[in-house]
């Protein structure tokens, strides 16, 4: 095992880490940082594949889903963002009728609706609760994954109730789970620099913990490739790992790549594809208690997403049906993100993996 996994790196540290991964022993933060700083890419990929195979066999999951982004009018002004009205060339707020039209126009067989967008200054908890009620009445079969922790923080606080009370209300309105957006990077210094108006790291984690206690599962994200260091990434994942130990409420971890078009940080060069793969691999190895690692293909492109399947990724998100603008406004390769089911299946099989259609909780359909 050692000779096949160690590749060109024969250090004592590499041997120790490989043995721990094989034996399902948790890595320390120092070992996680070592992986980022010293791990040879092919070796990282092989370690990540051990974890992926152990967790999910040869399965690669996908879902029939679509997005609704109710508005890009935002109280925050994050330096990395190309979506909000501060930087986008367009500004919108969908009416309830427009939202319901989008929902009703989706084909039969779609199982998940993902709702997230900007933090509108004039909307409260009850406004967004009414949206959920109307969608649930129109298409009761949909799993509604809605409102990032940053959106929830604003709407709940504005309405004068606790996070627990607000989430209970939204669950009664039809909320099934929450997305992982808004995590960005947890290091407080970097977070203040790139997203100083946004909810704190502590608040993000508190909202997800509260959701998990109410049996509302969620995902987790990390924005990488900007001002953060490898130590910041390990710190971020360590905080997620600690919360997952307590609640077991995270379904998937989703690394999100910084894109440098049409925002205040456009002077930064985007990281190379090799860095994307390194980040996937270390994420899979280090986050030993989050069952799934997702490649969000509208952010990195379809071909790079296929490559990620060799670096620990087991989830390709979904069909999406050209229903999100967040990454297209940031200059992503996929300007009209859409996958048909047959294309998704063929795409996964071409990577010598087994395509598995799932629901929002990773039950096989």
Protein backbone atom coordinates (compact mmCIF):
# COMPACT_ATOMS: atom_id res chain seq x y z
CA UNK A 1 0.00 0.00 0.00
CA UNK A 2 2.80 2.37 0.89
CA UNK A 3 4.70 1.97 -2.36
CA UNK A 4 1.59 2.54 -4.48
CA UNK A 5 0.29 5.51 -2.51
CA UNK A 6 3.35 7.48 -1.61
CA UNK A 7 4.30 8.30 -5.19
CA UNK A 8 7.39 10.53 -5.05
CA UNK A 9 7.02 11.51 -1.41
CA UNK A 10 8.67 9.07 1.01
CA UNK A 11 8.61 11.18 4.14
CA UNK A 12 7.75 9.84 7.54
CA UNK A 13 4.79 12.23 7.68
CA UNK A 14 3.37 10.87 4.44
CA UNK A 15 3.65 7.29 5.69
CA UNK A 16 1.88 8.20 8.92
CA UNK A 17 -0.94 10.02 7.13
CA UNK A 18 -1.45 7.21 4.62
CA UNK A 19 -1.69 4.68 7.44
CA UNK A 20 -4.20 6.85 9.32
CA UNK A 21 -6.40 7.29 6.24
CA UNK A 22 -6.33 3.55 5.56
CA UNK A 23 -7.21 2.83 9.21
CA UNK A 24 -9.98 5.45 9.37
CA UNK A 25 -8.12 7.47 12.01
CA UNK A 26 -8.91 11.19 12.04
CA UNK A 27 -6.19 13.56 10.83
CA UNK A 28 -5.09 16.47 12.98
CA UNK A 29 -5.20 20.05 11.73
CA UNK A 30 -1.41 19.95 11.39
CA UNK A 31 -1.66 16.86 9.20
CA UNK A 32 -4.38 18.48 7.12
CA UNK A 33 -2.16 21.50 6.57
CA UNK A 34 0.72 19.17 5.65
CA UNK A 35 -1.46 17.63 2.93
CA UNK A 36 -2.06 21.05 1.39
CA UNK A 37 1.55 22.18 1.64
CA UNK A 38 3.48 19.00 0.82
CA UNK A 39 1.17 16.33 -0.60
CA UNK A 40 1.94 15.36 -4.20
CA UNK A 41 -1.24 15.74 -6.25
CA UNK A 42 -1.48 12.18 -7.54
CA UNK A 43 -0.88 10.81 -4.04
CA UNK A 44 -3.58 13.08 -2.63
CA UNK A 45 -5.95 11.83 -5.28
CA UNK A 46 -5.31 8.21 -4.33
CA UNK A 47 -5.86 8.92 -0.64
CA UNK A 48 -9.06 10.80 -1.42
CA UNK A 49 -10.24 7.89 -3.54
CA UNK A 50 -9.79 5.51 -0.60
CA UNK A 51 -12.18 7.66 1.42
CA UNK A 52 -14.64 8.07 -1.47
CA UNK A 53 -14.77 4.35 -2.17
CA UNK A 54 -15.21 3.57 1.50
CA UNK A 55 -18.08 6.05 1.84
CA UNK A 56 -19.94 5.59 -1.42
CA UNK A 57 -18.40 2.81 -3.48
CA UNK A 58 -18.34 3.62 -7.19
CA UNK A 59 -21.54 5.69 -7.05
CA UNK A 60 -21.72 9.26 -8.30
CA UNK A 61 -24.94 10.98 -7.32
CA UNK A 62 -27.06 13.53 -9.15
CA UNK A 63 -30.50 15.06 -8.72
CA UNK A 64 -33.17 16.60 -10.94
CA UNK A 65 -33.28 20.13 -9.56
CA UNK A 66 -33.69 23.78 -10.39
CA UNK A 67 -32.89 27.09 -8.75
CA UNK A 68 -34.86 30.24 -8.05
CA UNK A 69 -33.00 33.41 -7.12
CA UNK A 70 -35.71 35.79 -5.88
CA UNK A 71 -33.60 38.96 -5.99
CA UNK A 72 -30.11 40.33 -6.41
CA UNK A 73 -30.85 43.47 -4.34
CA UNK A 74 -28.61 43.07 -1.33
CA UNK A 75 -27.84 44.84 1.94
CA UNK A 76 -24.33 43.38 1.83
CA UNK A 77 -21.54 44.39 -0.47
CA UNK A 78 -19.09 41.50 -0.55
CA UNK A 79 -15.91 42.22 -2.45
CA UNK A 80 -15.89 38.84 -4.23
CA UNK A 81 -19.53 38.95 -5.37
CA UNK A 82 -20.58 39.42 -8.99
CA UNK A 83 -24.23 38.60 -8.36
CA UNK A 84 -25.63 41.44 -6.28
CA UNK A 85 -27.02 44.68 -7.70
CA UNK A 86 -23.84 46.46 -6.59
CA UNK A 87 -21.87 44.89 -9.45
CA UNK A 88 -24.33 43.19 -11.78
CA UNK A 89 -25.48 45.11 -14.84
CA UNK A 90 -29.04 44.10 -14.03
CA UNK A 91 -31.22 44.35 -10.95
CA UNK A 92 -34.29 42.30 -10.17
CA UNK A 93 -36.80 41.18 -7.61
CA UNK A 94 -39.22 38.49 -8.64
CA UNK A 95 -42.85 38.81 -7.63
CA UNK A 96 -44.61 35.84 -6.05
CA UNK A 97 -46.46 35.24 -9.33
CA UNK A 98 -43.16 35.17 -11.23
CA UNK A 99 -41.71 32.71 -8.73
CA UNK A 100 -44.74 30.44 -9.00
CA UNK A 101 -44.59 30.62 -12.78
CA UNK A 102 -41.02 29.35 -12.66
CA UNK A 103 -42.06 26.54 -10.35
CA UNK A 104 -45.04 25.47 -12.45
CA UNK A 105 -43.00 25.50 -15.66
CA UNK A 106 -40.58 22.84 -14.47
CA UNK A 107 -41.07 19.37 -15.98
CA UNK A 108 -42.44 16.39 -14.12
CA UNK A 109 -39.74 14.38 -12.40
CA UNK A 110 -37.91 17.35 -10.90
CA UNK A 111 -37.55 16.65 -7.19
CA UNK A 112 -35.69 19.60 -5.63
CA UNK A 113 -36.06 23.36 -5.63
CA UNK A 114 -33.07 25.38 -4.44
CA UNK A 115 -33.91 28.95 -3.39
CA UNK A 116 -31.14 31.39 -2.55
CA UNK A 117 -30.16 34.88 -3.53
CA UNK A 118 -29.30 38.27 -2.14
CA UNK A 119 -30.29 39.66 1.26
CA UNK A 120 -33.05 42.10 0.37
CA UNK A 121 -33.26 45.03 2.83
CA UNK A 122 -37.07 45.19 2.81
CA UNK A 123 -38.10 41.57 3.26
CA UNK A 124 -38.71 39.70 6.49
CA UNK A 125 -39.31 36.16 7.68
CA UNK A 126 -43.01 36.17 6.91
CA UNK A 127 -42.53 37.34 3.34
CA UNK A 128 -40.24 34.40 2.65
CA UNK A 129 -42.49 32.05 4.60
CA UNK A 130 -45.40 32.97 2.33
CA UNK A 131 -43.27 32.07 -0.69
CA UNK A 132 -42.70 28.60 0.76
CA UNK A 133 -46.40 28.15 1.50
CA UNK A 134 -47.38 29.06 -2.05
CA UNK A 135 -44.79 26.74 -3.60
CA UNK A 136 -45.80 23.88 -1.31
CA UNK A 137 -49.45 24.36 -2.31
CA UNK A 138 -48.57 24.42 -6.01
CA UNK A 139 -46.16 21.47 -6.10
CA UNK A 140 -46.25 19.50 -2.89
CA UNK A 141 -43.85 16.84 -4.18
CA UNK A 142 -40.84 19.17 -4.30
CA UNK A 143 -38.16 19.13 -1.63
CA UNK A 144 -37.56 22.81 -0.86
CA UNK A 145 -33.97 23.64 0.03
CA UNK A 146 -34.09 27.34 0.73
CA UNK A 147 -32.35 30.39 2.17
CA UNK A 148 -28.70 30.45 3.13
CA UNK A 149 -27.71 31.17 6.73
CA UNK A 150 -26.90 34.75 5.75
CA UNK A 151 -30.42 35.27 4.39
CA UNK A 152 -31.91 33.53 7.41
CA UNK A 153 -29.91 35.70 9.82
CA UNK A 154 -31.28 38.89 8.28
CA UNK A 155 -34.91 37.86 7.82
CA UNK A 156 -35.22 36.25 11.27
CA UNK A 157 -33.42 39.04 13.15
CA UNK A 158 -35.47 41.67 11.31
CA UNK A 159 -38.63 39.92 12.47
CA UNK A 160 -37.61 39.98 16.12
CA UNK A 161 -37.64 36.25 16.85
CA UNK A 162 -34.94 33.72 17.73
CA UNK A 163 -33.22 31.54 15.15
CA UNK A 164 -35.05 28.54 16.55
CA UNK A 165 -38.45 30.24 16.33
CA UNK A 166 -37.76 31.49 12.84
CA UNK A 167 -36.65 28.09 11.56
CA UNK A 168 -39.64 26.36 13.16
CA UNK A 169 -41.93 28.82 11.37
CA UNK A 170 -40.22 28.26 8.02
CA UNK A 171 -40.35 24.50 8.49
CA UNK A 172 -44.10 24.78 9.07
CA UNK A 173 -44.33 26.81 5.86
CA UNK A 174 -42.63 24.07 3.85
CA UNK A 175 -38.86 24.38 4.35
CA UNK A 176 -37.15 20.97 4.11
CA UNK A 177 -33.44 21.80 4.23
CA UNK A 178 -31.08 24.74 3.86
CA UNK A 179 -28.22 25.29 1.41
CA UNK A 180 -24.62 25.85 2.45
CA UNK A 181 -24.05 29.30 0.98
CA UNK A 182 -22.68 32.27 2.86
CA UNK A 183 -19.98 30.33 4.70
CA UNK A 184 -17.26 31.89 2.50
CA UNK A 185 -14.23 31.53 4.78
CA UNK A 186 -14.58 31.37 8.55
CA UNK A 187 -11.34 33.10 9.51
CA UNK A 188 -12.60 36.34 11.02
CA UNK A 189 -9.84 38.58 9.65
CA UNK A 190 -10.17 37.42 6.05
CA UNK A 191 -13.97 37.38 6.33
CA UNK A 192 -14.02 41.02 7.44
CA UNK A 193 -11.83 41.91 4.45
CA UNK A 194 -13.88 40.17 1.75
CA UNK A 195 -17.38 40.20 3.28
CA UNK A 196 -17.33 42.58 6.21
CA UNK A 197 -21.05 43.36 6.15
CA UNK A 198 -22.09 39.71 6.09
CA UNK A 199 -23.17 37.51 9.01
CA UNK A 200 -20.29 36.34 11.18
CA UNK A 201 -18.78 32.87 11.10
CA UNK A 202 -20.22 32.23 14.55
CA UNK A 203 -23.72 33.16 13.36
CA UNK A 204 -23.46 30.94 10.27
CA UNK A 205 -22.50 27.97 12.41
CA UNK A 206 -25.16 28.74 15.01
CA UNK A 207 -27.92 28.81 12.39
CA UNK A 208 -26.86 25.49 10.92
CA UNK A 209 -26.58 23.94 14.37
CA UNK A 210 -30.08 25.16 15.21
CA UNK A 211 -31.42 23.80 11.94
CA UNK A 212 -29.87 20.39 12.59
CA UNK A 213 -31.43 20.30 16.06
CA UNK A 214 -34.81 20.83 14.38
CA UNK A 215 -34.15 17.97 11.93
CA UNK A 216 -33.49 20.39 9.07
CA UNK A 217 -30.42 19.08 7.27
CA UNK A 218 -28.05 21.30 5.34
CA UNK A 219 -24.95 21.50 3.20
CA UNK A 220 -21.72 23.37 3.86
CA UNK A 221 -19.54 25.40 1.52
CA UNK A 222 -16.14 27.08 1.48
CA UNK A 223 -15.08 29.87 -0.85
CA UNK A 224 -11.44 29.31 -1.81
CA UNK A 225 -8.83 30.77 -4.11
CA UNK A 226 -8.85 34.42 -2.96
CA UNK A 227 -7.01 35.88 0.06
CA UNK A 228 -7.13 32.80 2.27
CA UNK A 229 -4.20 30.55 3.13
CA UNK A 230 -4.11 26.79 3.45
CA UNK A 231 -4.26 27.26 7.22
CA UNK A 232 -7.50 29.21 6.80
CA UNK A 233 -9.00 26.38 4.74
CA UNK A 234 -8.11 23.78 7.37
CA UNK A 235 -9.51 26.03 10.10
CA UNK A 236 -12.74 26.37 8.11
CA UNK A 237 -13.09 22.63 7.57
CA UNK A 238 -12.16 21.97 11.18
CA UNK A 239 -15.05 24.10 12.42
CA UNK A 240 -17.43 22.21 10.11
CA UNK A 241 -16.03 18.88 11.25
CA UNK A 242 -16.53 19.83 14.90
CA UNK A 243 -20.18 20.83 14.33
CA UNK A 244 -20.82 17.67 12.32
CA UNK A 245 -19.53 15.60 15.23
CA UNK A 246 -22.22 17.21 17.37
CA UNK A 247 -25.19 17.22 14.99
CA UNK A 248 -24.52 14.95 12.00
CA UNK A 249 -26.69 17.35 10.01
CA UNK A 250 -24.46 18.16 7.03
CA UNK A 251 -25.17 16.10 3.92
CA UNK A 252 -22.39 17.39 1.69
CA UNK A 253 -19.40 19.70 1.52
CA UNK A 254 -19.14 21.95 -1.54
CA UNK A 255 -15.92 23.84 -2.29
CA UNK A 256 -16.77 26.97 -4.28
CA UNK A 257 -14.09 28.55 -6.44
CA UNK A 258 -13.55 32.31 -6.41
CA UNK A 259 -14.12 33.79 -9.88
CA UNK A 260 -12.51 37.13 -10.61
CA UNK A 261 -14.87 38.74 -13.11
CA UNK A 262 -17.03 41.79 -12.38
CA UNK A 263 -16.24 42.26 -8.70
CA UNK A 264 -13.95 44.26 -6.42
CA UNK A 265 -11.36 41.48 -6.31
CA UNK A 266 -10.92 41.09 -10.04
CA UNK A 267 -7.22 41.93 -9.73
CA UNK A 268 -6.64 38.51 -8.16
CA UNK A 269 -5.67 35.68 -10.47
CA UNK A 270 -7.88 32.62 -10.26
CA UNK A 271 -6.18 29.48 -8.99
CA UNK A 272 -5.22 26.77 -11.45
CA UNK A 273 -7.17 23.55 -12.03
CA UNK A 274 -4.46 21.65 -10.17
CA UNK A 275 -5.26 23.72 -7.09
CA UNK A 276 -8.96 22.92 -7.52
CA UNK A 277 -8.14 19.20 -7.51
CA UNK A 278 -5.81 19.55 -4.52
CA UNK A 279 -8.60 21.28 -2.63
CA UNK A 280 -11.13 18.55 -3.46
CA UNK A 281 -8.73 15.82 -2.42
CA UNK A 282 -7.74 17.37 0.90
CA UNK A 283 -11.38 18.18 1.65
CA UNK A 284 -12.34 14.53 1.11
CA UNK A 285 -9.50 13.26 3.27
CA UNK A 286 -9.89 15.76 6.11
CA UNK A 287 -13.69 15.92 6.40
CA UNK A 288 -14.06 12.35 7.57
CA UNK A 289 -17.59 12.77 8.95
CA UNK A 290 -19.37 14.56 6.09
CA UNK A 291 -20.59 11.78 3.78
CA UNK A 292 -20.55 13.52 0.39
CA UNK A 293 -18.23 15.82 -1.53
CA UNK A 294 -19.89 17.80 -4.30
CA UNK A 295 -18.39 19.37 -7.41
CA UNK A 296 -20.64 22.29 -8.30
CA UNK A 297 -20.17 22.07 -12.05
CA UNK A 298 -21.62 25.52 -12.96
CA UNK A 299 -18.69 27.02 -11.04
CA UNK A 300 -15.77 25.00 -12.42
CA UNK A 301 -17.14 23.75 -15.74
CA UNK A 302 -18.24 20.29 -16.79
CA UNK A 303 -14.87 18.93 -17.83
CA UNK A 304 -13.14 20.02 -14.64
CA UNK A 305 -16.03 18.54 -12.68
CA UNK A 306 -15.41 15.22 -14.42
CA UNK A 307 -11.74 15.40 -13.46
CA UNK A 308 -12.75 15.98 -9.84
CA UNK A 309 -14.28 12.49 -9.78
CA UNK A 310 -10.69 11.20 -9.52
CA UNK A 311 -10.04 13.37 -6.45
CA UNK A 312 -12.70 12.21 -4.01
CA UNK A 313 -15.87 13.80 -5.43
CA UNK A 314 -18.99 11.61 -5.43
CA UNK A 315 -21.77 14.12 -6.18
CA UNK A 316 -22.34 16.14 -9.35
CA UNK A 317 -25.23 18.25 -8.01
CA UNK A 318 -28.00 18.26 -10.59
CA UNK A 319 -29.61 19.11 -13.89
CA UNK A 320 -30.25 22.77 -12.84
CA UNK A 321 -32.11 23.61 -16.10
CA UNK A 322 -30.36 26.94 -16.71
CA UNK A 323 -31.89 28.40 -13.56
CA UNK A 324 -28.97 30.10 -11.78
CA UNK A 325 -27.02 33.28 -12.55
CA UNK A 326 -24.64 33.43 -9.60
CA UNK A 327 -21.62 31.96 -11.38
CA UNK A 328 -22.50 32.99 -14.93
CA UNK A 329 -22.44 36.63 -13.78
CA UNK A 330 -18.97 35.95 -12.39
CA UNK A 331 -17.68 34.85 -15.78
CA UNK A 332 -17.92 31.08 -15.37
CA UNK A 333 -17.49 28.87 -18.41
CA UNK A 334 -21.07 27.55 -18.11
CA UNK A 335 -23.05 30.63 -19.08
CA UNK A 336 -26.27 28.64 -19.48
CA UNK A 337 -25.88 25.79 -16.97
CA UNK A 338 -28.01 22.80 -17.89
CA UNK A 339 -27.58 19.02 -17.91
CA UNK A 340 -30.19 16.63 -19.23
CA UNK A 341 -30.58 13.41 -17.29
CA UNK A 342 -29.18 11.35 -20.14
CA UNK A 343 -26.21 13.70 -20.50
CA UNK A 344 -25.53 13.48 -16.79
CA UNK A 345 -25.65 9.70 -16.83
CA UNK A 346 -23.35 9.47 -19.85
CA UNK A 347 -21.01 12.05 -18.32
CA UNK A 348 -20.62 9.99 -15.15
CA UNK A 349 -20.24 6.67 -16.96
CA UNK A 350 -17.48 8.11 -19.13
CA UNK A 351 -15.53 8.60 -15.90
CA UNK A 352 -16.03 4.88 -15.11
CA UNK A 353 -18.44 5.64 -12.31
CA UNK A 354 -22.00 4.49 -11.66
CA UNK A 355 -24.63 7.25 -12.03
CA UNK A 356 -27.16 7.19 -9.19
CA UNK A 357 -30.16 9.48 -9.18
CA UNK A 358 -30.86 10.63 -5.63
CA UNK A 359 -33.30 12.70 -3.67
CA UNK A 360 -32.23 15.67 -1.54
CA UNK A 361 -31.28 13.40 1.39
CA UNK A 362 -29.24 11.02 -0.78
CA UNK A 363 -31.80 8.28 -0.92
CA UNK A 364 -31.56 6.39 -4.21
CA UNK A 365 -34.49 6.96 -6.55
